[in-house]
PDB file of all heavy atoms in Angstrom:
ATOM      1  N   ARG A   1      -2.477 -10.968  -7.303  1.00  0.00           N
ATOM      2  CA  ARG A   1      -3.666 -10.234  -6.880  1.00  0.00           C
ATOM      3  C   ARG A   1      -4.553 -11.101  -5.995  1.00  0.00           C
ATOM      4  O   ARG A   1      -4.781 -12.275  -6.296  1.00  0.00           O
ATOM      5  CB  ARG A   1      -4.450  -9.768  -8.105  1.00  0.00           C
ATOM      6  CG  ARG A   1      -5.738  -9.032  -7.761  1.00  0.00           C
ATOM      7  CD  ARG A   1      -6.544  -8.676  -9.003  1.00  0.00           C
ATOM      8  NE  ARG A   1      -5.871  -7.677  -9.818  1.00  0.00           N
ATOM      9  CZ  ARG A   1      -6.448  -7.047 -10.846  1.00  0.00           C
ATOM     10  NH1 ARG A   1      -7.703  -7.355 -11.186  1.00  0.00           N
ATOM     11  NH2 ARG A   1      -5.779  -6.148 -11.541  1.00  0.00           N
ATOM     12  N   SER A   2      -5.046 -10.510  -4.918  1.00  0.00           N
ATOM     13  CA  SER A   2      -6.006 -11.224  -4.072  1.00  0.00           C
ATOM     14  C   SER A   2      -7.273 -11.538  -4.872  1.00  0.00           C
ATOM     15  O   SER A   2      -7.692 -10.755  -5.730  1.00  0.00           O
ATOM     16  CB  SER A   2      -6.387 -10.363  -2.863  1.00  0.00           C
ATOM     17  OG  SER A   2      -5.267 -10.101  -2.062  1.00  0.00           O
ATOM     18  N   LYS A   3      -7.866 -12.677  -4.588  1.00  0.00           N
ATOM     19  CA  LYS A   3      -9.113 -13.047  -5.251  1.00  0.00           C
ATOM     20  C   LYS A   3     -10.215 -12.066  -4.862  1.00  0.00           C
ATOM     21  O   LYS A   3     -10.218 -11.506  -3.767  1.00  0.00           O
ATOM     22  CB  LYS A   3      -9.527 -14.464  -4.852  1.00  0.00           C
ATOM     23  CG  LYS A   3      -8.457 -15.523  -5.091  1.00  0.00           C
ATOM     24  CD  LYS A   3      -8.168 -15.689  -6.581  1.00  0.00           C
ATOM     25  CE  LYS A   3      -7.250 -16.878  -6.847  1.00  0.00           C
ATOM     26  NZ  LYS A   3      -5.868 -16.648  -6.342  1.00  0.00           N
ATOM     27  N   SER A   4     -11.170 -11.890  -5.773  1.00  0.00           N
ATOM     28  CA  SER A   4     -12.234 -10.913  -5.554  1.00  0.00           C
ATOM     29  C   SER A   4     -13.025 -11.200  -4.282  1.00  0.00           C
ATOM     30  O   SER A   4     -13.334 -10.277  -3.508  1.00  0.00           O
ATOM     31  CB  SER A   4     -13.173 -10.893  -6.765  1.00  0.00           C
ATOM     32  OG  SER A   4     -14.216  -9.980  -6.561  1.00  0.00           O
ATOM     33  N   ASP A   5     -13.350 -12.486  -4.030  1.00  0.00           N
ATOM     34  CA  ASP A   5     -14.130 -12.798  -2.832  1.00  0.00           C
ATOM     35  C   ASP A   5     -13.332 -12.534  -1.556  1.00  0.00           C
ATOM     36  O   ASP A   5     -13.883 -12.167  -0.523  1.00  0.00           O
ATOM     37  CB  ASP A   5     -14.652 -14.233  -2.869  1.00  0.00           C
ATOM     38  CG  ASP A   5     -13.557 -15.284  -3.017  1.00  0.00           C
ATOM     39  OD1 ASP A   5     -12.388 -14.912  -3.243  1.00  0.00           O
ATOM     40  OD2 ASP A   5     -13.874 -16.486  -2.901  1.00  0.00           O
ATOM     41  N   ARG A   6     -12.001 -12.679  -1.640  1.00  0.00           N
ATOM     42  CA  ARG A   6     -11.151 -12.391  -0.478  1.00  0.00           C
ATOM     43  C   ARG A   6     -11.139 -10.884  -0.200  1.00  0.00           C
ATOM     44  O   ARG A   6     -11.215 -10.437   0.952  1.00  0.00           O
ATOM     45  CB  ARG A   6      -9.718 -12.892  -0.752  1.00  0.00           C
ATOM     46  CG  ARG A   6      -8.730 -12.543   0.347  1.00  0.00           C
ATOM     47  CD  ARG A   6      -8.666 -13.576   1.464  1.00  0.00           C
ATOM     48  NE  ARG A   6      -9.870 -13.872   2.183  1.00  0.00           N
ATOM     49  CZ  ARG A   6     -10.224 -13.314   3.337  1.00  0.00           C
ATOM     50  NH1 ARG A   6      -9.466 -12.406   3.895  1.00  0.00           N
ATOM     51  NH2 ARG A   6     -11.313 -13.683   3.943  1.00  0.00           N
ATOM     52  N   VAL A   7     -11.065 -10.086  -1.274  1.00  0.00           N
ATOM     53  CA  VAL A   7     -11.092  -8.624  -1.121  1.00  0.00           C
ATOM     54  C   VAL A   7     -12.410  -8.194  -0.491  1.00  0.00           C
ATOM     55  O   VAL A   7     -12.440  -7.368   0.433  1.00  0.00           O
ATOM     56  CB  VAL A   7     -10.888  -7.925  -2.481  1.00  0.00           C
ATOM     57  CG1 VAL A   7     -11.033  -6.415  -2.338  1.00  0.00           C
ATOM     58  CG2 VAL A   7      -9.512  -8.263  -3.061  1.00  0.00           C
ATOM     59  N   GLN A   8     -13.516  -8.760  -0.976  1.00  0.00           N
ATOM     60  CA  GLN A   8     -14.832  -8.384  -0.453  1.00  0.00           C
ATOM     61  C   GLN A   8     -14.981  -8.797   1.012  1.00  0.00           C
ATOM     62  O   GLN A   8     -15.543  -8.050   1.824  1.00  0.00           O
ATOM     63  CB  GLN A   8     -15.935  -9.014  -1.301  1.00  0.00           C
ATOM     64  CG  GLN A   8     -15.987  -8.500  -2.738  1.00  0.00           C
ATOM     65  CD  GLN A   8     -16.193  -6.991  -2.810  1.00  0.00           C
ATOM     66  OE1 GLN A   8     -16.918  -6.422  -2.002  1.00  0.00           O
ATOM     67  NE2 GLN A   8     -15.558  -6.352  -3.788  1.00  0.00           N
ATOM     68  N   ALA A   9     -14.477  -9.973   1.375  1.00  0.00           N
ATOM     69  CA  ALA A   9     -14.552 -10.422   2.770  1.00  0.00           C
ATOM     70  C   ALA A   9     -13.726  -9.513   3.671  1.00  0.00           C
ATOM     71  O   ALA A   9     -14.135  -9.168   4.796  1.00  0.00           O
ATOM     72  CB  ALA A   9     -14.062 -11.873   2.877  1.00  0.00           C
ATOM     73  N   PHE A  10     -12.544  -9.121   3.197  1.00  0.00           N
ATOM     74  CA  PHE A  10     -11.664  -8.211   3.932  1.00  0.00           C
ATOM     75  C   PHE A  10     -12.370  -6.872   4.146  1.00  0.00           C
ATOM     76  O   PHE A  10     -12.368  -6.316   5.256  1.00  0.00           O
ATOM     77  CB  PHE A  10     -10.381  -8.025   3.119  1.00  0.00           C
ATOM     78  CG  PHE A  10      -9.216  -7.453   3.866  1.00  0.00           C
ATOM     79  CD1 PHE A  10      -8.265  -8.270   4.446  1.00  0.00           C
ATOM     80  CD2 PHE A  10      -9.040  -6.075   3.960  1.00  0.00           C
ATOM     81  CE1 PHE A  10      -7.160  -7.745   5.101  1.00  0.00           C
ATOM     82  CE2 PHE A  10      -7.952  -5.538   4.616  1.00  0.00           C
ATOM     83  CZ  PHE A  10      -7.010  -6.370   5.193  1.00  0.00           C
ATOM     84  N   ALA A  11     -13.000  -6.371   3.077  1.00  0.00           N
ATOM     85  CA  ALA A  11     -13.716  -5.094   3.145  1.00  0.00           C
ATOM     86  C   ALA A  11     -14.866  -5.164   4.139  1.00  0.00           C
ATOM     87  O   ALA A  11     -15.111  -4.215   4.899  1.00  0.00           O
ATOM     88  CB  ALA A  11     -14.225  -4.706   1.757  1.00  0.00           C
ATOM     89  N   ARG A  12     -15.574  -6.303   4.161  1.00  0.00           N
ATOM     90  CA  ARG A  12     -16.714  -6.441   5.076  1.00  0.00           C
ATOM     91  C   ARG A  12     -16.269  -6.388   6.536  1.00  0.00           C
ATOM     92  O   ARG A  12     -16.940  -5.796   7.381  1.00  0.00           O
ATOM     93  CB  ARG A  12     -17.464  -7.752   4.810  1.00  0.00           C
ATOM     94  CG  ARG A  12     -18.446  -7.667   3.654  1.00  0.00           C
ATOM     95  CD  ARG A  12     -19.398  -8.849   3.657  1.00  0.00           C
ATOM     96  NE  ARG A  12     -18.704 -10.132   3.574  1.00  0.00           N
ATOM     97  CZ  ARG A  12     -18.341 -10.710   2.430  1.00  0.00           C
ATOM     98  NH1 ARG A  12     -18.596 -10.106   1.270  1.00  0.00           N
ATOM     99  NH2 ARG A  12     -17.731 -11.877   2.432  1.00  0.00           N
ATOM    100  N   LEU A  13     -15.136  -7.025   6.825  1.00  0.00           N
ATOM    101  CA  LEU A  13     -14.632  -7.004   8.202  1.00  0.00           C
ATOM    102  C   LEU A  13     -14.343  -5.575   8.654  1.00  0.00           C
ATOM    103  O   LEU A  13     -14.692  -5.177   9.778  1.00  0.00           O
ATOM    104  CB  LEU A  13     -13.367  -7.859   8.324  1.00  0.00           C
ATOM    105  CG  LEU A  13     -13.572  -9.376   8.364  1.00  0.00           C
ATOM    106  CD1 LEU A  13     -12.239 -10.092   8.232  1.00  0.00           C
ATOM    107  CD2 LEU A  13     -14.265  -9.793   9.655  1.00  0.00           C
ATOM    108  N   LEU A  14     -13.710  -4.784   7.789  1.00  0.00           N
ATOM    109  CA  LEU A  14     -13.423  -3.396   8.132  1.00  0.00           C
ATOM    110  C   LEU A  14     -14.714  -2.595   8.280  1.00  0.00           C
ATOM    111  O   LEU A  14     -14.882  -1.832   9.238  1.00  0.00           O
ATOM    112  CB  LEU A  14     -12.522  -2.760   7.073  1.00  0.00           C
ATOM    113  CG  LEU A  14     -11.109  -3.338   6.901  1.00  0.00           C
ATOM    114  CD1 LEU A  14     -10.365  -2.603   5.792  1.00  0.00           C
ATOM    115  CD2 LEU A  14     -10.310  -3.267   8.192  1.00  0.00           C
ATOM    116  N   ALA A  15     -15.616  -2.767   7.315  1.00  0.00           N
ATOM    117  CA  ALA A  15     -16.871  -2.016   7.343  1.00  0.00           C
ATOM    118  C   ALA A  15     -17.715  -2.378   8.565  1.00  0.00           C
ATOM    119  O   ALA A  15     -18.316  -1.500   9.201  1.00  0.00           O
ATOM    120  CB  ALA A  15     -17.650  -2.264   6.054  1.00  0.00           C
ATOM    121  N   ASP A  16     -17.755  -3.659   8.898  1.00  0.00           N
ATOM    122  CA  ASP A  16     -18.536  -4.097  10.062  1.00  0.00           C
ATOM    123  C   ASP A  16     -17.988  -3.523  11.365  1.00  0.00           C
ATOM    124  O   ASP A  16     -18.702  -3.420  12.361  1.00  0.00           O
ATOM    125  CB  ASP A  16     -18.578  -5.627  10.146  1.00  0.00           C
ATOM    126  CG  ASP A  16     -19.441  -6.252   9.055  1.00  0.00           C
ATOM    127  OD1 ASP A  16     -20.197  -5.502   8.395  1.00  0.00           O
ATOM    128  OD2 ASP A  16     -19.348  -7.478   8.858  1.00  0.00           O
ATOM    129  N   ALA A  17     -16.704  -3.147  11.341  1.00  0.00           N
ATOM    130  CA  ALA A  17     -16.089  -2.525  12.516  1.00  0.00           C
ATOM    131  C   ALA A  17     -16.312  -1.015  12.527  1.00  0.00           C
ATOM    132  O   ALA A  17     -15.797  -0.314  13.410  1.00  0.00           O
ATOM    133  CB  ALA A  17     -14.596  -2.836  12.550  1.00  0.00           C
ATOM    134  N   GLY A  18     -17.063  -0.516  11.543  1.00  0.00           N
ATOM    135  CA  GLY A  18     -17.380   0.906  11.492  1.00  0.00           C
ATOM    136  C   GLY A  18     -16.368   1.751  10.757  1.00  0.00           C
ATOM    137  O   GLY A  18     -16.397   2.985  10.853  1.00  0.00           O
ATOM    138  N   ILE A  19     -15.474   1.123   9.992  1.00  0.00           N
ATOM    139  CA  ILE A  19     -14.465   1.857   9.227  1.00  0.00           C
ATOM    140  C   ILE A  19     -14.945   1.985   7.783  1.00  0.00           C
ATOM    141  O   ILE A  19     -15.242   0.982   7.125  1.00  0.00           O
ATOM    142  CB  ILE A  19     -13.101   1.137   9.266  1.00  0.00           C
ATOM    143  CG1 ILE A  19     -12.606   1.046  10.712  1.00  0.00           C
ATOM    144  CG2 ILE A  19     -12.081   1.857   8.393  1.00  0.00           C
ATOM    145  CD1 ILE A  19     -11.375   0.172  10.883  1.00  0.00           C
ATOM    146  N   VAL A  20     -15.045   3.213   7.280  1.00  0.00           N
ATOM    147  CA  VAL A  20     -15.461   3.432   5.899  1.00  0.00           C
ATOM    148  C   VAL A  20     -14.446   2.768   4.974  1.00  0.00           C
ATOM    149  O   VAL A  20     -13.238   3.023   5.066  1.00  0.00           O
ATOM    150  CB  VAL A  20     -15.566   4.934   5.574  1.00  0.00           C
ATOM    151  CG1 VAL A  20     -15.888   5.150   4.099  1.00  0.00           C
ATOM    152  CG2 VAL A  20     -16.621   5.592   6.464  1.00  0.00           C
ATOM    153  N   THR A  21     -14.926   1.912   4.092  1.00  0.00           N
ATOM    154  CA  THR A  21     -14.037   1.114   3.247  1.00  0.00           C
ATOM    155  C   THR A  21     -14.578   1.071   1.829  1.00  0.00           C
ATOM    156  O   THR A  21     -15.767   0.831   1.616  1.00  0.00           O
ATOM    157  CB  THR A  21     -13.916  -0.329   3.786  1.00  0.00           C
ATOM    158  OG1 THR A  21     -13.478  -0.278   5.151  1.00  0.00           O
ATOM    159  CG2 THR A  21     -12.919  -1.141   2.974  1.00  0.00           C
ATOM    160  N   THR A  22     -13.705   1.324   0.865  1.00  0.00           N
ATOM    161  CA  THR A  22     -14.067   1.208  -0.539  1.00  0.00           C
ATOM    162  C   THR A  22     -13.076   0.274  -1.228  1.00  0.00           C
ATOM    163  O   THR A  22     -11.945   0.108  -0.766  1.00  0.00           O
ATOM    164  CB  THR A  22     -14.038   2.572  -1.249  1.00  0.00           C
ATOM    165  OG1 THR A  22     -12.715   3.141  -1.125  1.00  0.00           O
ATOM    166  CG2 THR A  22     -15.037   3.544  -0.633  1.00  0.00           C
ATOM    167  N   VAL A  23     -13.506  -0.326  -2.303  1.00  0.00           N
ATOM    168  CA  VAL A  23     -12.621  -1.131  -3.150  1.00  0.00           C
ATOM    169  C   VAL A  23     -12.437  -0.360  -4.440  1.00  0.00           C
ATOM    170  O   VAL A  23     -13.418  -0.059  -5.139  1.00  0.00           O
ATOM    171  CB  VAL A  23     -13.211  -2.520  -3.439  1.00  0.00           C
ATOM    172  CG1 VAL A  23     -12.275  -3.305  -4.367  1.00  0.00           C
ATOM    173  CG2 VAL A  23     -13.431  -3.290  -2.135  1.00  0.00           C
ATOM    174  N   ARG A  24     -11.203   0.014  -4.723  1.00  0.00           N
ATOM    175  CA  ARG A  24     -10.950   0.846  -5.894  1.00  0.00           C
ATOM    176  C   ARG A  24     -11.289   0.090  -7.171  1.00  0.00           C
ATOM    177  O   ARG A  24     -10.849  -1.048  -7.371  1.00  0.00           O
ATOM    178  CB  ARG A  24      -9.493   1.304  -5.945  1.00  0.00           C
ATOM    179  CG  ARG A  24      -9.187   2.171  -7.177  1.00  0.00           C
ATOM    180  CD  ARG A  24      -7.764   2.657  -7.199  1.00  0.00           C
ATOM    181  NE  ARG A  24      -7.512   3.627  -6.132  1.00  0.00           N
ATOM    182  CZ  ARG A  24      -6.314   4.165  -5.907  1.00  0.00           C
ATOM    183  NH1 ARG A  24      -5.281   3.812  -6.641  1.00  0.00           N
ATOM    184  NH2 ARG A  24      -6.154   5.033  -4.928  1.00  0.00           N
ATOM    185  N   LYS A  25     -12.058   0.745  -8.023  1.00  0.00           N
ATOM    186  CA  LYS A  25     -12.345   0.193  -9.339  1.00  0.00           C
ATOM    187  C   LYS A  25     -11.102   0.335 -10.198  1.00  0.00           C
ATOM    188  O   LYS A  25     -10.525   1.422 -10.301  1.00  0.00           O
ATOM    189  CB  LYS A  25     -13.523   0.937  -9.977  1.00  0.00           C
ATOM    190  CG  LYS A  25     -13.918   0.427 -11.339  1.00  0.00           C
ATOM    191  CD  LYS A  25     -15.080   1.244 -11.905  1.00  0.00           C
ATOM    192  CE  LYS A  25     -15.452   0.757 -13.299  1.00  0.00           C
ATOM    193  NZ  LYS A  25     -16.547   1.578 -13.888  1.00  0.00           N
ATOM    194  N   THR A  26     -10.662  -0.751 -10.790  1.00  0.00           N
ATOM    195  CA  THR A  26      -9.466  -0.704 -11.623  1.00  0.00           C
ATOM    196  C   THR A  26      -9.784  -0.003 -12.943  1.00  0.00           C
ATOM    197  O   THR A  26     -10.700  -0.398 -13.653  1.00  0.00           O
ATOM    198  CB  THR A  26      -8.925  -2.121 -11.901  1.00  0.00           C
ATOM    199  OG1 THR A  26      -8.575  -2.719 -10.649  1.00  0.00           O
ATOM    200  CG2 THR A  26      -7.695  -2.074 -12.785  1.00  0.00           C
ATOM    201  N   ARG A  27      -9.043   1.058 -13.233  1.00  0.00           N
ATOM    202  CA  ARG A  27      -9.235   1.814 -14.464  1.00  0.00           C
ATOM    203  C   ARG A  27      -7.948   1.790 -15.273  1.00  0.00           C
ATOM    204  O   ARG A  27      -6.854   1.901 -14.740  1.00  0.00           O
ATOM    205  CB  ARG A  27      -9.600   3.277 -14.152  1.00  0.00           C
ATOM    206  CG  ARG A  27     -10.900   3.471 -13.378  1.00  0.00           C
ATOM    207  CD  ARG A  27     -12.106   3.167 -14.247  1.00  0.00           C
ATOM    208  NE  ARG A  27     -12.143   4.009 -15.422  1.00  0.00           N
ATOM    209  CZ  ARG A  27     -12.730   5.207 -15.485  1.00  0.00           C
ATOM    210  NH1 ARG A  27     -13.324   5.709 -14.409  1.00  0.00           N
ATOM    211  NH2 ARG A  27     -12.738   5.912 -16.610  1.00  0.00           N
ATOM    212  N   GLY A  28      -8.095   1.639 -16.596  1.00  0.00           N
ATOM    213  CA  GLY A  28      -6.950   1.768 -17.486  1.00  0.00           C
ATOM    214  C   GLY A  28      -5.964   0.633 -17.446  1.00  0.00           C
ATOM    215  O   GLY A  28      -4.833   0.773 -17.920  1.00  0.00           O
ATOM    216  N   ASP A  29      -6.359  -0.542 -16.890  1.00  0.00           N
ATOM    217  CA  ASP A  29      -5.373  -1.615 -16.801  1.00  0.00           C
ATOM    218  C   ASP A  29      -5.030  -2.207 -18.160  1.00  0.00           C
ATOM    219  O   ASP A  29      -3.973  -2.820 -18.333  1.00  0.00           O
ATOM    220  CB  ASP A  29      -5.817  -2.714 -15.829  1.00  0.00           C
ATOM    221  CG  ASP A  29      -7.178  -3.294 -16.145  1.00  0.00           C
ATOM    222  OD1 ASP A  29      -7.910  -2.695 -16.960  1.00  0.00           O
ATOM    223  OD2 ASP A  29      -7.514  -4.350 -15.583  1.00  0.00           O
ATOM    224  N   ASP A  30      -5.909  -1.990 -19.172  1.00  0.00           N
ATOM    225  CA  ASP A  30      -5.593  -2.490 -20.511  1.00  0.00           C
ATOM    226  C   ASP A  30      -4.508  -1.677 -21.202  1.00  0.00           C
ATOM    227  O   ASP A  30      -3.967  -2.081 -22.232  1.00  0.00           O
ATOM    228  CB  ASP A  30      -6.865  -2.543 -21.380  1.00  0.00           C
ATOM    229  CG  ASP A  30      -7.558  -1.195 -21.516  1.00  0.00           C
ATOM    230  OD1 ASP A  30      -7.432  -0.356 -20.586  1.00  0.00           O
ATOM    231  OD2 ASP A  30      -8.231  -0.967 -22.541  1.00  0.00           O
ATOM    232  N   ILE A  31      -4.162  -0.505 -20.644  1.00  0.00           N
ATOM    233  CA  ILE A  31      -3.063   0.301 -21.192  1.00  0.00           C
ATOM    234  C   ILE A  31      -1.975   0.510 -20.132  1.00  0.00           C
ATOM    235  O   ILE A  31      -1.188   1.447 -20.207  1.00  0.00           O
ATOM    236  CB  ILE A  31      -3.560   1.663 -21.722  1.00  0.00           C
ATOM    237  CG1 ILE A  31      -4.307   2.447 -20.629  1.00  0.00           C
ATOM    238  CG2 ILE A  31      -4.433   1.488 -22.955  1.00  0.00           C
ATOM    239  CD1 ILE A  31      -4.610   3.903 -20.993  1.00  0.00           C
ATOM    240  N   ASP A  32      -1.949  -0.376 -19.122  1.00  0.00           N
ATOM    241  CA  ASP A  32      -0.977  -0.288 -18.022  1.00  0.00           C
ATOM    242  C   ASP A  32      -1.000   1.083 -17.359  1.00  0.00           C
ATOM    243  O   ASP A  32       0.050   1.666 -17.049  1.00  0.00           O
ATOM    244  CB  ASP A  32       0.443  -0.597 -18.523  1.00  0.00           C
ATOM    245  CG  ASP A  32       0.619  -2.056 -18.886  1.00  0.00           C
ATOM    246  OD1 ASP A  32      -0.142  -2.886 -18.362  1.00  0.00           O
ATOM    247  OD2 ASP A  32       1.507  -2.366 -19.710  1.00  0.00           O
ATOM    248  N   ALA A  33      -2.215   1.584 -17.126  1.00  0.00           N
ATOM    249  CA  ALA A  33      -2.366   2.892 -16.491  1.00  0.00           C
ATOM    250  C   ALA A  33      -2.978   2.779 -15.107  1.00  0.00           C
ATOM    251  O   ALA A  33      -3.289   3.789 -14.484  1.00  0.00           O
ATOM    252  CB  ALA A  33      -3.238   3.805 -17.359  1.00  0.00           C
TER     253      ALA A  33
END
């Protein structure tokens, strides 16, 4: 998995270019869902 700060930096580059960008919140990973 990419580090959290790397994901956020990647997202900022896309957003700064005017591309709507979200980071999916991980749900259910404690039950492999």
